[in-house]
Amino acid sequence: VKLAHPDKTVIGFTGDGGSMYTIQALWTAARHGIGAKFVVCNNGGYRLLDLNLLEYWKERGIPEHPFPSSFDLSRPALHFVELARSLGVPAVRVSTEQDIGPALDLALSASGPFLIDWVLPHAPVDPSVDRRCGQ
């Protein structure tokens, strides 16, 4: 989007699990000077897979049980600031509400790409909430 609209502010949001499939986009942004901003919502797990698996179990009458350990991204913890910097993108980690404003100011004032690693609590999935879109 940023390449098609270089004059626009472009901020991409992704989860920590999904970002692990496409983290090389940061290197591309740094290499080509693409000023897109990135926010990784880092909750330490593949939340979409948790939700999809709950739906699968429900449809097949399978009792809920612990999710596969491969869905847990907290051991070892992912540090997207370090990943981003190793790929040439400045980054900051936020974990409190007070950190969000200053982090956004940094991202939006950067002329090139910038990443915010937004650490969120890994709250249990609530199966009573209708999440047909996986959100």
Protein backbone atom coordinates (compact mmCIF):
# COMPACT_ATOMS: atom_id res chain seq x y z
CA VAL A 1 0.00 0.00 0.00
CA LYS A 2 2.83 2.40 0.85
CA LEU A 3 4.42 1.84 -2.57
CA ALA A 4 1.14 2.63 -4.31
CA HIS A 5 0.50 5.67 -2.09
CA PRO A 6 3.86 7.05 -0.97
CA ASP A 7 2.22 10.24 0.33
CA LYS A 8 -0.09 8.33 2.72
CA THR A 9 0.67 7.17 6.23
CA VAL A 10 0.46 3.38 6.18
CA ILE A 11 0.37 1.30 9.35
CA GLY A 12 0.14 -2.48 9.11
CA PHE A 13 -1.12 -4.53 12.05
CA THR A 14 -0.38 -8.21 12.53
CA GLY A 15 -0.20 -10.75 15.31
CA ASP A 16 3.01 -12.27 16.58
CA GLY A 17 2.22 -15.66 15.06
CA GLY A 18 1.29 -14.29 11.65
CA SER A 19 4.30 -12.02 11.58
CA MET A 20 6.60 -15.00 11.87
CA TYR A 21 5.48 -16.01 8.36
CA THR A 22 6.36 -12.62 6.86
CA ILE A 23 9.02 -11.00 9.06
CA GLN A 24 11.25 -10.58 5.99
CA ALA A 25 8.94 -7.73 4.92
CA LEU A 26 10.87 -5.58 7.40
CA TRP A 27 14.13 -6.23 5.55
CA THR A 28 12.46 -5.32 2.26
CA ALA A 29 11.12 -2.08 3.75
CA ALA A 30 14.56 -1.17 5.09
CA ARG A 31 16.39 -2.10 1.88
CA HIS A 32 14.06 -0.09 -0.35
CA GLY A 33 13.34 2.78 2.05
CA ILE A 34 9.63 2.01 2.28
CA GLY A 35 8.29 4.19 5.09
CA ALA A 36 5.50 1.86 6.19
CA LYS A 37 4.93 1.48 9.90
CA PHE A 38 4.32 -1.91 11.50
CA VAL A 39 2.59 -2.94 14.72
CA VAL A 40 2.96 -6.50 15.99
CA CYS A 41 0.30 -7.41 18.54
CA ASN A 42 2.43 -9.72 20.64
CA ASN A 43 0.34 -11.96 22.91
CA GLY A 44 2.70 -14.94 22.93
CA GLY A 45 0.50 -17.30 20.99
CA TYR A 46 -1.33 -18.19 17.81
CA ARG A 47 -4.70 -16.81 18.94
CA LEU A 48 -6.36 -17.48 15.57
CA LEU A 49 -5.34 -21.12 15.74
CA ASP A 50 -6.74 -21.35 19.29
CA LEU A 51 -10.07 -19.98 18.07
CA ASN A 52 -10.18 -22.20 15.01
CA LEU A 53 -9.38 -25.29 17.06
CA LEU A 54 -12.12 -24.45 19.56
CA GLU A 55 -14.60 -24.23 16.68
CA TYR A 56 -13.34 -27.53 15.24
CA TRP A 57 -13.76 -29.27 18.60
CA LYS A 58 -17.23 -27.77 19.02
CA GLU A 59 -18.38 -28.86 15.53
CA ARG A 60 -17.20 -32.42 16.17
CA GLY A 61 -18.37 -32.71 19.77
CA ILE A 62 -14.82 -33.01 21.09
CA PRO A 63 -14.44 -31.83 24.69
CA GLU A 64 -12.19 -28.84 25.21
CA HIS A 65 -8.70 -29.71 26.33
CA PRO A 66 -5.32 -27.95 26.36
CA PHE A 67 -4.14 -26.49 23.08
CA PRO A 68 -1.08 -28.01 21.41
CA SER A 69 2.14 -26.66 22.88
CA SER A 70 3.18 -25.58 19.36
CA PHE A 71 0.57 -22.78 19.59
CA ASP A 72 2.51 -21.21 22.47
CA LEU A 73 5.02 -18.60 21.30
CA SER A 74 6.20 -17.62 24.77
CA ARG A 75 9.05 -20.16 25.09
CA PRO A 76 11.34 -18.70 24.04
CA ALA A 77 9.70 -15.28 24.00
CA LEU A 78 9.77 -13.41 20.71
CA HIS A 79 11.47 -10.02 20.81
CA PHE A 80 10.37 -8.16 17.71
CA VAL A 81 12.47 -5.10 18.53
CA GLU A 82 15.60 -7.21 18.21
CA LEU A 83 14.32 -8.90 15.05
CA ALA A 84 13.38 -5.57 13.48
CA ARG A 85 16.70 -3.96 14.29
CA SER A 86 18.59 -6.94 12.88
CA LEU A 87 16.65 -6.39 9.64
CA GLY A 88 17.46 -2.68 9.55
CA VAL A 89 14.22 -1.31 11.00
CA PRO A 90 14.11 0.86 14.12
CA ALA A 91 11.65 -0.41 16.70
CA VAL A 92 10.26 0.07 20.17
CA ARG A 93 8.48 -2.27 22.58
CA VAL A 94 5.39 -1.13 24.46
CA SER A 95 3.63 -2.93 27.28
CA THR A 96 1.57 -0.25 29.02
CA GLU A 97 -1.07 2.22 27.88
CA GLN A 98 1.29 5.06 28.75
CA ASP A 99 3.86 3.72 26.26
CA ILE A 100 1.51 3.77 23.26
CA GLY A 101 1.41 7.54 22.58
CA PRO A 102 5.19 8.05 22.67
CA ALA A 103 5.70 4.92 20.53
CA LEU A 104 3.27 6.21 17.91
CA ASP A 105 5.01 9.59 17.93
CA LEU A 106 8.34 7.84 17.26
CA ALA A 107 6.88 5.69 14.50
CA LEU A 108 5.12 8.56 12.75
CA SER A 109 8.15 10.85 12.96
CA ALA A 110 10.45 8.23 11.41
CA SER A 111 11.04 8.87 7.72
CA GLY A 112 11.56 5.18 6.97
CA PRO A 113 10.00 1.98 8.25
CA PHE A 114 9.36 1.54 11.96
CA LEU A 115 8.01 -1.29 14.12
CA ILE A 116 6.08 -1.25 17.38
CA ASP A 117 6.19 -4.50 19.35
CA TRP A 118 2.97 -4.19 21.35
CA VAL A 119 3.05 -6.71 24.20
CA LEU A 120 -0.43 -7.86 25.17
CA PRO A 121 -1.50 -10.26 27.89
CA HIS A 122 -2.05 -13.84 26.79
CA ALA A 123 -5.60 -14.07 28.09
CA PRO A 124 -7.46 -17.37 27.94
CA VAL A 125 -9.73 -17.85 24.94
CA ASP A 126 -13.40 -17.42 25.84
CA PRO A 127 -15.33 -20.09 23.88
CA SER A 128 -18.65 -18.39 24.66
CA VAL A 129 -17.79 -15.44 22.42
CA ASP A 130 -18.94 -15.80 18.80
CA ARG A 131 -15.85 -15.30 16.65
CA ARG A 132 -16.85 -16.47 13.19
CA CYS A 133 -14.25 -14.28 11.55
CA GLY A 134 -11.50 -15.56 13.81
CA GLN A 135 -11.20 -12.25 15.65
